[in-house]
PDB file of N, CA and C in Angstrom:
ATOM      1  N   MET A   1     167.012  24.411  -6.987  1.00  0.00           N
ATOM      2  CA  MET A   1     167.039  24.377  -8.603  1.00  0.00           C
ATOM      3  C   MET A   1     168.136  24.445  -8.986  1.00  0.00           C
ATOM      4  N   ASN A   2     168.777  23.296  -9.707  1.00  0.00           N
ATOM      5  CA  ASN A   2     169.313  23.668 -10.790  1.00  0.00           C
ATOM      6  C   ASN A   2     169.200  23.646 -12.019  1.00  0.00           C
ATOM      7  N   LEU A   3     170.918  23.916 -12.856  1.00  0.00           N
ATOM      8  CA  LEU A   3     169.638  24.127 -14.986  1.00  0.00           C
ATOM      9  C   LEU A   3     169.230  23.226 -14.905  1.00  0.00           C
ATOM     10  N   VAL A   4     170.202  21.872 -15.156  1.00  0.00           N
ATOM     11  CA  VAL A   4     169.888  20.606 -15.736  1.00  0.00           C
ATOM     12  C   VAL A   4     168.461  20.430 -15.451  1.00  0.00           C
ATOM     13  N   LYS A   5     167.642  19.748 -13.613  1.00  0.00           N
ATOM     14  CA  LYS A   5     166.349  20.181 -13.598  1.00  0.00           C
ATOM     15  C   LYS A   5     165.666  21.199 -14.375  1.00  0.00           C
ATOM     16  N   ILE A   6     166.028  21.993 -13.977  1.00  0.00           N
ATOM     17  CA  ILE A   6     165.289  23.954 -15.171  1.00  0.00           C
ATOM     18  C   ILE A   6     165.081  22.667 -16.404  1.00  0.00           C
ATOM     19  N   LEU A   7     166.136  21.825 -17.167  1.00  0.00           N
ATOM     20  CA  LEU A   7     166.624  21.731 -18.788  1.00  0.00           C
ATOM     21  C   LEU A   7     165.179  20.365 -18.704  1.00  0.00           C
ATOM     22  N   ASP A   8     165.045  20.102 -17.256  1.00  0.00           N
ATOM     23  CA  ASP A   8     164.299  18.808 -17.579  1.00  0.00           C
ATOM     24  C   ASP A   8     163.196  18.800 -16.973  1.00  0.00           C
ATOM     25  N   ASP A   9     162.460  20.106 -16.764  1.00  0.00           N
ATOM     26  CA  ASP A   9     161.776  20.160 -16.076  1.00  0.00           C
ATOM     27  C   ASP A   9     161.136  21.093 -17.085  1.00  0.00           C
ATOM     28  N   HIS A  10     161.119  20.977 -18.503  1.00  0.00           N
ATOM     29  CA  HIS A  10     161.105  22.230 -19.739  1.00  0.00           C
ATOM     30  C   HIS A  10     160.698  21.154 -21.029  1.00  0.00           C
ATOM     31  N   ALA A  11     161.568  20.229 -20.470  1.00  0.00           N
ATOM     32  CA  ALA A  11     161.513  19.446 -21.881  1.00  0.00           C
ATOM     33  C   ALA A  11     160.341  18.017 -21.298  1.00  0.00           C
ATOM     34  N   TYR A  12     159.632  18.166 -19.866  1.00  0.00           N
ATOM     35  CA  TYR A  12     158.499  17.282 -19.788  1.00  0.00           C
ATOM     36  C   TYR A  12     157.010  18.256 -19.847  1.00  0.00           C
ATOM     37  N   VAL A  13     156.826  19.427 -19.023  1.00  0.00           N
ATOM     38  CA  VAL A  13     156.415  20.275 -19.889  1.00  0.00           C
ATOM     39  C   VAL A  13     155.973  20.751 -21.657  1.00  0.00           C
ATOM     40  N   GLN A  14     157.354  21.597 -21.996  1.00  0.00           N
ATOM     41  CA  GLN A  14     156.902  21.937 -23.298  1.00  0.00           C
ATOM     42  C   GLN A  14     158.170  20.548 -24.348  1.00  0.00           C
ATOM     43  N   PRO A  15     158.234  19.758 -24.238  1.00  0.00           N
ATOM     44  CA  PRO A  15     159.051  19.310 -25.302  1.00  0.00           C
ATOM     45  C   PRO A  15     159.358  19.425 -26.754  1.00  0.00           C
ATOM     46  N   GLN A  16     158.678  20.184 -27.449  1.00  0.00           N
ATOM     47  CA  GLN A  16     158.542  20.521 -28.922  1.00  0.00           C
ATOM     48  C   GLN A  16     158.712  22.074 -29.173  1.00  0.00           C
ATOM     49  N   PHE A  17     159.032  22.857 -28.073  1.00  0.00           N
ATOM     50  CA  PHE A  17     159.282  24.066 -27.966  1.00  0.00           C
ATOM     51  C   PHE A  17     160.691  24.103 -28.081  1.00  0.00           C
ATOM     52  N   VAL A  18     161.424  25.055 -28.917  1.00  0.00           N
ATOM     53  CA  VAL A  18     162.485  25.321 -29.388  1.00  0.00           C
ATOM     54  C   VAL A  18     163.577  25.997 -27.955  1.00  0.00           C
ATOM     55  N   ALA A  19     164.594  24.861 -27.883  1.00  0.00           N
ATOM     56  CA  ALA A  19     165.745  25.601 -26.671  1.00  0.00           C
ATOM     57  C   ALA A  19     166.628  26.264 -26.703  1.00  0.00           C
ATOM     58  N   LEU A  20     167.551  25.867 -28.191  1.00  0.00           N
ATOM     59  CA  LEU A  20     168.973  26.231 -28.566  1.00  0.00           C
ATOM     60  C   LEU A  20     168.183  26.671 -29.911  1.00  0.00           C
ATOM     61  N   ARG A  21     168.943  27.561 -31.009  1.00  0.00           N
ATOM     62  CA  ARG A  21     169.339  28.126 -31.948  1.00  0.00           C
ATOM     63  C   ARG A  21     170.156  28.611 -31.639  1.00  0.00           C
ATOM     64  N   ASP A  22     171.414  27.916 -33.179  1.00  0.00           N
ATOM     65  CA  ASP A  22     172.668  28.580 -34.093  1.00  0.00           C
ATOM     66  C   ASP A  22     172.198  28.851 -34.560  1.00  0.00           C
ATOM     67  N   CYS A  23     172.475  30.436 -35.222  1.00  0.00           N
ATOM     68  CA  CYS A  23     172.655  30.361 -36.829  1.00  0.00           C
ATOM     69  C   CYS A  23     174.241  30.887 -37.033  1.00  0.00           C
ATOM     70  N   ARG A  24     174.885  30.179 -37.380  1.00  0.00           N
ATOM     71  CA  ARG A  24     176.237  30.774 -37.556  1.00  0.00           C
ATOM     72  C   ARG A  24     176.646  29.840 -39.265  1.00  0.00           C
ATOM     73  N   ALA A  25     176.839  31.232 -39.498  1.00  0.00           N
ATOM     74  CA  ALA A  25     177.845  30.581 -41.291  1.00  0.00           C
ATOM     75  C   ALA A  25     176.687  29.738 -42.018  1.00  0.00           C
ATOM     76  N   GLY A  26     175.366  31.082 -41.941  1.00  0.00           N
ATOM     77  CA  GLY A  26     174.629  30.542 -43.214  1.00  0.00           C
ATOM     78  C   GLY A  26     173.299  29.651 -42.424  1.00  0.00           C
ATOM     79  N   SER A  27     173.250  29.027 -41.559  1.00  0.00           N
ATOM     80  CA  SER A  27     172.645  27.764 -41.416  1.00  0.00           C
ATOM     81  C   SER A  27     172.235  28.414 -40.353  1.00  0.00           C
ATOM     82  N   ASP A  28     170.693  27.821 -39.563  1.00  0.00           N
ATOM     83  CA  ASP A  28     169.716  27.524 -38.727  1.00  0.00           C
ATOM     84  C   ASP A  28     169.235  26.726 -38.627  1.00  0.00           C
ATOM     85  N   ARG A  29     169.935  26.168 -37.008  1.00  0.00           N
ATOM     86  CA  ARG A  29     169.790  24.905 -36.623  1.00  0.00           C
ATOM     87  C   ARG A  29     169.545  25.207 -35.414  1.00  0.00           C
ATOM     88  N   ALA A  30     167.721  24.457 -34.987  1.00  0.00           N
ATOM     89  CA  ALA A  30     167.166  24.114 -33.875  1.00  0.00           C
ATOM     90  C   ALA A  30     167.041  22.814 -33.317  1.00  0.00           C
ATOM     91  N   ILE A  31     166.612  23.068 -31.747  1.00  0.00           N
ATOM     92  CA  ILE A  31     166.914  21.998 -30.856  1.00  0.00           C
ATOM     93  C   ILE A  31     166.311  21.485 -29.927  1.00  0.00           C
ATOM     94  N   THR A  32     164.503  21.188 -29.526  1.00  0.00           N
ATOM     95  CA  THR A  32     164.071  21.177 -28.890  1.00  0.00           C
ATOM     96  C   THR A  32     164.101  20.282 -26.678  1.00  0.00           C
ATOM     97  N   TYR A  33     163.368  20.726 -26.070  1.00  0.00           N
ATOM     98  CA  TYR A  33     164.045  20.530 -25.373  1.00  0.00           C
ATOM     99  C   TYR A  33     163.964  19.240 -24.464  1.00  0.00           C
ATOM    100  N   LEU A  34     162.864  18.570 -25.265  1.00  0.00           N
ATOM    101  CA  LEU A  34     163.189  17.494 -25.275  1.00  0.00           C
ATOM    102  C   LEU A  34     164.243  17.089 -26.292  1.00  0.00           C
ATOM    103  N   GLU A  35     164.568  16.986 -26.752  1.00  0.00           N
ATOM    104  CA  GLU A  35     165.785  16.740 -27.922  1.00  0.00           C
ATOM    105  C   GLU A  35     167.122  16.820 -27.409  1.00  0.00           C
ATOM    106  N   LEU A  36     166.894  17.704 -26.235  1.00  0.00           N
ATOM    107  CA  LEU A  36     168.463  18.162 -25.823  1.00  0.00           C
ATOM    108  C   LEU A  36     168.531  17.722 -24.554  1.00  0.00           C
ATOM    109  N   GLN A  37     167.243  17.052 -24.138  1.00  0.00           N
ATOM    110  CA  GLN A  37     167.333  16.531 -22.558  1.00  0.00           C
ATOM    111  C   GLN A  37     168.194  15.092 -23.150  1.00  0.00           C
ATOM    112  N   LYS A  38     167.735  14.377 -24.432  1.00  0.00           N
ATOM    113  CA  LYS A  38     167.947  13.522 -24.739  1.00  0.00           C
ATOM    114  C   LYS A  38     169.760  14.168 -24.790  1.00  0.00           C
ATOM    115  N   ARG A  39     169.491  14.215 -26.031  1.00  0.00           N
ATOM    116  CA  ARG A  39     171.166  14.704 -26.272  1.00  0.00           C
ATOM    117  C   ARG A  39     171.409  14.691 -25.136  1.00  0.00           C
ATOM    118  N   THR A  40     171.985  15.284 -23.786  1.00  0.00           N
ATOM    119  CA  THR A  40     172.431  16.180 -23.225  1.00  0.00           C
ATOM    120  C   THR A  40     172.881  14.635 -21.551  1.00  0.00           C
ATOM    121  N   ALA A  41     172.001  13.475 -21.890  1.00  0.00           N
ATOM    122  CA  ALA A  41     170.811  12.518 -21.211  1.00  0.00           C
ATOM    123  C   ALA A  41     173.049  11.450 -21.908  1.00  0.00           C
ATOM    124  N   ARG A  42     172.707  10.892 -23.355  1.00  0.00           N
ATOM    125  CA  ARG A  42     173.220  10.421 -24.239  1.00  0.00           C
ATOM    126  C   ARG A  42     175.025  10.543 -23.412  1.00  0.00           C
ATOM    127  N   ALA A  43     174.738  12.339 -23.306  1.00  0.00           N
ATOM    128  CA  ALA A  43     176.507  12.682 -23.458  1.00  0.00           C
ATOM    129  C   ALA A  43     176.873  12.446 -21.796  1.00  0.00           C
ATOM    130  N   ALA A  44     175.580  12.844 -21.439  1.00  0.00           N
ATOM    131  CA  ALA A  44     176.272  12.520 -19.149  1.00  0.00           C
ATOM    132  C   ALA A  44     176.853  10.758 -19.646  1.00  0.00           C
ATOM    133  N   THR A  45     176.153  10.105 -19.934  1.00  0.00           N
ATOM    134  CA  THR A  45     176.902   8.876 -20.042  1.00  0.00           C
ATOM    135  C   THR A  45     177.686   8.346 -20.625  1.00  0.00           C
ATOM    136  N   GLY A  46     178.315   9.040 -21.974  1.00  0.00           N
ATOM    137  CA  GLY A  46     179.390   8.990 -22.766  1.00  0.00           C
ATOM    138  C   GLY A  46     180.681   9.316 -21.599  1.00  0.00           C
ATOM    139  N   LEU A  47     180.244  10.195 -20.826  1.00  0.00           N
ATOM    140  CA  LEU A  47     181.563  10.984 -19.963  1.00  0.00           C
ATOM    141  C   LEU A  47     181.715   9.931 -18.983  1.00  0.00           C
ATOM    142  N   ILE A  48     180.405   9.511 -18.123  1.00  0.00           N
ATOM    143  CA  ILE A  48     180.900   8.769 -17.093  1.00  0.00           C
ATOM    144  C   ILE A  48     181.782   7.657 -18.045  1.00  0.00           C
ATOM    145  N   GLU A  49     180.806   6.832 -18.808  1.00  0.00           N
ATOM    146  CA  GLU A  49     181.802   6.294 -19.123  1.00  0.00           C
ATOM    147  C   GLU A  49     182.782   5.868 -19.900  1.00  0.00           C
ATOM    148  N   SER A  50     183.512   6.530 -20.260  1.00  0.00           N
ATOM    149  CA  SER A  50     184.789   7.488 -20.641  1.00  0.00           C
ATOM    150  C   SER A  50     186.110   7.390 -19.025  1.00  0.00           C
ATOM    151  N   GLY A  51     185.251   7.520 -18.280  1.00  0.00           N
ATOM    152  CA  GLY A  51     186.026   7.772 -16.423  1.00  0.00           C
ATOM    153  C   GLY A  51     185.745   8.744 -15.867  1.00  0.00           C
ATOM    154  N   ILE A  52     185.037  10.006 -16.477  1.00  0.00           N
ATOM    155  CA  ILE A  52     184.510  11.497 -15.384  1.00  0.00           C
ATOM    156  C   ILE A  52     183.615  11.093 -14.512  1.00  0.00           C
ATOM    157  N   LYS A  53     183.590  12.006 -13.688  1.00  0.00           N
ATOM    158  CA  LYS A  53     183.273  11.786 -12.339  1.00  0.00           C
ATOM    159  C   LYS A  53     182.895  13.050 -11.601  1.00  0.00           C
ATOM    160  N   LYS A  54     181.117  12.314 -10.367  1.00  0.00           N
ATOM    161  CA  LYS A  54     181.744  14.169 -10.159  1.00  0.00           C
ATOM    162  C   LYS A  54     182.693  14.516  -8.998  1.00  0.00           C
ATOM    163  N   GLY A  55     182.552  15.779  -9.606  1.00  0.00           N
ATOM    164  CA  GLY A  55     183.666  16.798  -8.942  1.00  0.00           C
ATOM    165  C   GLY A  55     184.876  16.657 -10.313  1.00  0.00           C
ATOM    166  N   ASP A  56     184.926  15.604 -10.868  1.00  0.00           N
ATOM    167  CA  ASP A  56     186.403  16.343 -12.343  1.00  0.00           C
ATOM    168  C   ASP A  56     186.079  17.505 -12.490  1.00  0.00           C
ATOM    169  N   ARG A  57     187.703  18.120 -13.211  1.00  0.00           N
ATOM    170  CA  ARG A  57     187.313  19.089 -14.436  1.00  0.00           C
ATOM    171  C   ARG A  57     187.408  18.867 -15.366  1.00  0.00           C
ATOM    172  N   VAL A  58     186.616  19.355 -16.548  1.00  0.00           N
ATOM    173  CA  VAL A  58     186.975  18.877 -17.601  1.00  0.00           C
ATOM    174  C   VAL A  58     186.577  20.021 -18.457  1.00  0.00           C
ATOM    175  N   LEU A  59     188.213  20.520 -19.724  1.00  0.00           N
ATOM    176  CA  LEU A  59     188.051  21.403 -20.372  1.00  0.00           C
ATOM    177  C   LEU A  59     187.556  21.353 -21.416  1.00  0.00           C
ATOM    178  N   LEU A  60     186.484  22.444 -21.510  1.00  0.00           N
ATOM    179  CA  LEU A  60     185.521  22.398 -23.164  1.00  0.00           C
ATOM    180  C   LEU A  60     186.671  23.910 -23.681  1.00  0.00           C
ATOM    181  N   LEU A  61     186.966  23.219 -24.322  1.00  0.00           N
ATOM    182  CA  LEU A  61     187.211  24.277 -25.855  1.00  0.00           C
ATOM    183  C   LEU A  61     187.498  24.164 -27.166  1.00  0.00           C
ATOM    184  N   VAL A  62     186.290  24.119 -27.161  1.00  0.00           N
ATOM    185  CA  VAL A  62     185.676  23.623 -28.006  1.00  0.00           C
ATOM    186  C   VAL A  62     184.603  25.552 -29.079  1.00  0.00           C
ATOM    187  N   PRO A  63     184.552  25.880 -30.275  1.00  0.00           N
ATOM    188  CA  PRO A  63     183.669  26.808 -30.196  1.00  0.00           C
ATOM    189  C   PRO A  63     182.154  26.947 -29.857  1.00  0.00           C
ATOM    190  N   LEU A  64     181.711  27.555 -29.847  1.00  0.00           N
ATOM    191  CA  LEU A  64     180.371  27.840 -29.640  1.00  0.00           C
ATOM    192  C   LEU A  64     179.352  27.958 -30.528  1.00  0.00           C
ATOM    193  N   SER A  65     178.491  26.335 -29.416  1.00  0.00           N
ATOM    194  CA  SER A  65     177.228  26.134 -30.189  1.00  0.00           C
ATOM    195  C   SER A  65     176.427  25.167 -29.806  1.00  0.00           C
ATOM    196  N   ILE A  66     175.104  24.776 -30.560  1.00  0.00           N
ATOM    197  CA  ILE A  66     174.524  23.818 -29.981  1.00  0.00           C
ATOM    198  C   ILE A  66     174.570  22.974 -28.789  1.00  0.00           C
ATOM    199  N   GLU A  67     176.058  21.896 -29.983  1.00  0.00           N
ATOM    200  CA  GLU A  67     176.749  20.264 -29.666  1.00  0.00           C
ATOM    201  C   GLU A  67     177.573  20.950 -27.466  1.00  0.00           C
ATOM    202  N   THR A  68     178.265  22.926 -27.767  1.00  0.00           N
ATOM    203  CA  THR A  68     179.018  22.898 -27.126  1.00  0.00           C
ATOM    204  C   THR A  68     178.535  23.108 -25.224  1.00  0.00           C
ATOM    205  N   TYR A  69     176.568  23.509 -25.568  1.00  0.00           N
ATOM    206  CA  TYR A  69     175.565  23.355 -24.379  1.00  0.00           C
ATOM    207  C   TYR A  69     175.040  22.198 -24.632  1.00  0.00           C
ATOM    208  N   ILE A  70     175.051  20.901 -24.886  1.00  0.00           N
ATOM    209  CA  ILE A  70     175.204  20.110 -24.453  1.00  0.00           C
ATOM    210  C   ILE A  70     176.093  19.224 -23.839  1.00  0.00           C
ATOM    211  N   LEU A  71     177.504  19.758 -24.189  1.00  0.00           N
ATOM    212  CA  LEU A  71     178.603  18.829 -23.702  1.00  0.00           C
ATOM    213  C   LEU A  71     178.422  19.455 -21.520  1.00  0.00           C
ATOM    214  N   LEU A  72     178.068  20.507 -22.145  1.00  0.00           N
ATOM    215  CA  LEU A  72     178.096  21.940 -20.886  1.00  0.00           C
ATOM    216  C   LEU A  72     177.166  20.999 -19.751  1.00  0.00           C
ATOM    217  N   LEU A  73     175.849  20.908 -20.344  1.00  0.00           N
ATOM    218  CA  LEU A  73     175.108  20.302 -19.376  1.00  0.00           C
ATOM    219  C   LEU A  73     174.511  18.405 -19.102  1.00  0.00           C
ATOM    220  N   ALA A  74     175.352  18.229 -19.848  1.00  0.00           N
ATOM    221  CA  ALA A  74     176.022  16.775 -19.273  1.00  0.00           C
ATOM    222  C   ALA A  74     177.016  16.558 -18.382  1.00  0.00           C
ATOM    223  N   ILE A  75     178.104  17.911 -18.443  1.00  0.00           N
ATOM    224  CA  ILE A  75     178.884  17.885 -17.472  1.00  0.00           C
ATOM    225  C   ILE A  75     178.201  18.082 -16.225  1.00  0.00           C
ATOM    226  N   PHE A  76     177.323  19.393 -16.728  1.00  0.00           N
ATOM    227  CA  PHE A  76     176.428  19.659 -15.175  1.00  0.00           C
ATOM    228  C   PHE A  76     176.057  18.039 -14.170  1.00  0.00           C
ATOM    229  N   ARG A  77     175.236  17.555 -15.141  1.00  0.00           N
ATOM    230  CA  ARG A  77     174.301  16.418 -15.276  1.00  0.00           C
ATOM    231  C   ARG A  77     174.774  15.288 -14.380  1.00  0.00           C
ATOM    232  N   ILE A  78     176.424  14.890 -15.007  1.00  0.00           N
ATOM    233  CA  ILE A  78     177.005  13.793 -13.438  1.00  0.00           C
ATOM    234  C   ILE A  78     177.940  14.569 -12.492  1.00  0.00           C
ATOM    235  N   GLY A  79     177.688  16.338 -12.217  1.00  0.00           N
ATOM    236  CA  GLY A  79     178.269  17.102 -11.094  1.00  0.00           C
ATOM    237  C   GLY A  79     179.526  16.609 -10.928  1.00  0.00           C
ATOM    238  N   ALA A  80     179.889  17.043 -12.654  1.00  0.00           N
ATOM    239  CA  ALA A  80     181.875  17.669 -12.677  1.00  0.00           C
ATOM    240  C   ALA A  80     181.351  19.209 -13.224  1.00  0.00           C
ATOM    241  N   VAL A  81     182.546  19.684 -13.695  1.00  0.00           N
ATOM    242  CA  VAL A  81     183.260  21.080 -13.021  1.00  0.00           C
ATOM    243  C   VAL A  81     183.654  21.198 -14.735  1.00  0.00           C
ATOM    244  N   ALA A  82     182.453  22.612 -15.386  1.00  0.00           N
ATOM    245  CA  ALA A  82     183.363  23.065 -16.230  1.00  0.00           C
ATOM    246  C   ALA A  82     184.340  23.680 -16.206  1.00  0.00           C
ATOM    247  N   ILE A  83     185.033  24.158 -17.118  1.00  0.00           N
ATOM    248  CA  ILE A  83     186.501  24.348 -17.472  1.00  0.00           C
ATOM    249  C   ILE A  83     186.432  25.507 -19.025  1.00  0.00           C
ATOM    250  N   ILE A  84     185.807  26.157 -19.468  1.00  0.00           N
ATOM    251  CA  ILE A  84     185.615  26.640 -20.283  1.00  0.00           C
ATOM    252  C   ILE A  84     187.164  27.549 -21.055  1.00  0.00           C
ATOM    253  N   ALA A  85     187.354  27.588 -21.940  1.00  0.00           N
ATOM    254  CA  ALA A  85     188.742  28.507 -22.570  1.00  0.00           C
ATOM    255  C   ALA A  85     188.038  28.627 -24.057  1.00  0.00           C
ATOM    256  N   ASP A  86     188.437  29.853 -24.023  1.00  0.00           N
ATOM    257  CA  ASP A  86     188.331  30.214 -25.447  1.00  0.00           C
ATOM    258  C   ASP A  86     189.186  30.732 -26.567  1.00  0.00           C
ATOM    259  N   SER A  87     188.676  29.629 -27.206  1.00  0.00           N
ATOM    260  CA  SER A  87     189.386  29.546 -28.474  1.00  0.00           C
ATOM    261  C   SER A  87     190.765  30.754 -28.767  1.00  0.00           C
ATOM    262  N   SER A  88     190.774  31.965 -28.832  1.00  0.00           N
ATOM    263  CA  SER A  88     191.433  33.109 -28.757  1.00  0.00           C
ATOM    264  C   SER A  88     192.060  33.318 -27.988  1.00  0.00           C
ATOM    265  N   PHE A  89     192.189  32.582 -27.060  1.00  0.00           N
ATOM    266  CA  PHE A  89     193.527  32.983 -25.309  1.00  0.00           C
ATOM    267  C   PHE A  89     194.551  32.023 -26.194  1.00  0.00           C
ATOM    268  N   SER A  90     195.598  33.219 -25.615  1.00  0.00           N
ATOM    269  CA  SER A  90     196.770  32.457 -25.687  1.00  0.00           C
ATOM    270  C   SER A  90     197.684  31.337 -25.133  1.00  0.00           C
ATOM    271  N   LEU A  91     198.827  31.307 -25.391  1.00  0.00           N
ATOM    272  CA  LEU A  91     199.052  29.326 -24.361  1.00  0.00           C
ATOM    273  C   LEU A  91     198.670  30.483 -23.166  1.00  0.00           C
ATOM    274  N   ASP A  92     199.074  31.532 -22.864  1.00  0.00           N
ATOM    275  CA  ASP A  92     199.349  31.307 -21.584  1.00  0.00           C
ATOM    276  C   ASP A  92     198.261  32.055 -20.662  1.00  0.00           C
ATOM    277  N   MET A  93     197.101  32.439 -21.237  1.00  0.00           N
ATOM    278  CA  MET A  93     195.774  33.383 -20.612  1.00  0.00           C
ATOM    279  C   MET A  93     195.359  31.280 -20.803  1.00  0.00           C
ATOM    280  N   LEU A  94     195.757  30.518 -21.210  1.00  0.00           N
ATOM    281  CA  LEU A  94     195.431  28.821 -20.886  1.00  0.00           C
ATOM    282  C   LEU A  94     195.483  28.338 -20.685  1.00  0.00           C
ATOM    283  N   ARG A  95     197.550  28.574 -20.462  1.00  0.00           N
ATOM    284  CA  ARG A  95     197.667  27.934 -18.735  1.00  0.00           C
ATOM    285  C   ARG A  95     197.566  28.708 -17.816  1.00  0.00           C
ATOM    286  N   ARG A  96     196.651  29.184 -17.302  1.00  0.00           N
ATOM    287  CA  ARG A  96     196.796  30.151 -16.269  1.00  0.00           C
ATOM    288  C   ARG A  96     194.662  29.520 -15.731  1.00  0.00           C
ATOM    289  N   SER A  97     193.882  29.231 -16.829  1.00  0.00           N
ATOM    290  CA  SER A  97     192.867  29.005 -17.217  1.00  0.00           C
ATOM    291  C   SER A  97     192.783  28.002 -17.045  1.00  0.00           C
ATOM    292  N   LEU A  98     194.062  26.719 -17.138  1.00  0.00           N
ATOM    293  CA  LEU A  98     194.391  24.736 -16.454  1.00  0.00           C
ATOM    294  C   LEU A  98     194.043  25.626 -14.794  1.00  0.00           C
ATOM    295  N   SER A  99     195.198  26.287 -14.549  1.00  0.00           N
ATOM    296  CA  SER A  99     195.246  25.966 -13.302  1.00  0.00           C
ATOM    297  C   SER A  99     194.864  25.937 -12.015  1.00  0.00           C
TER     298      SER A  99
END
């Protein structure tokens, strides 16, 4: 069983339950399992349409948010590999991550 299968199961069994909450900068956003599944599927389609395929490496250099998790799950959904680089990385650390 993988993370995307677990998400799909939760979206089926408890679609209206909160899957993720983002409480940054004074805002409080939440997303349900069903909405997370739909947005992840849409993002996966976009990645495929842009030419990303199973086994490709995808670099994520984005601030942590609900959208980060949507992208990460979309990458997993199509079988690509996520490389996550923290925005606080020095240029040398970023180069090492990429290699």
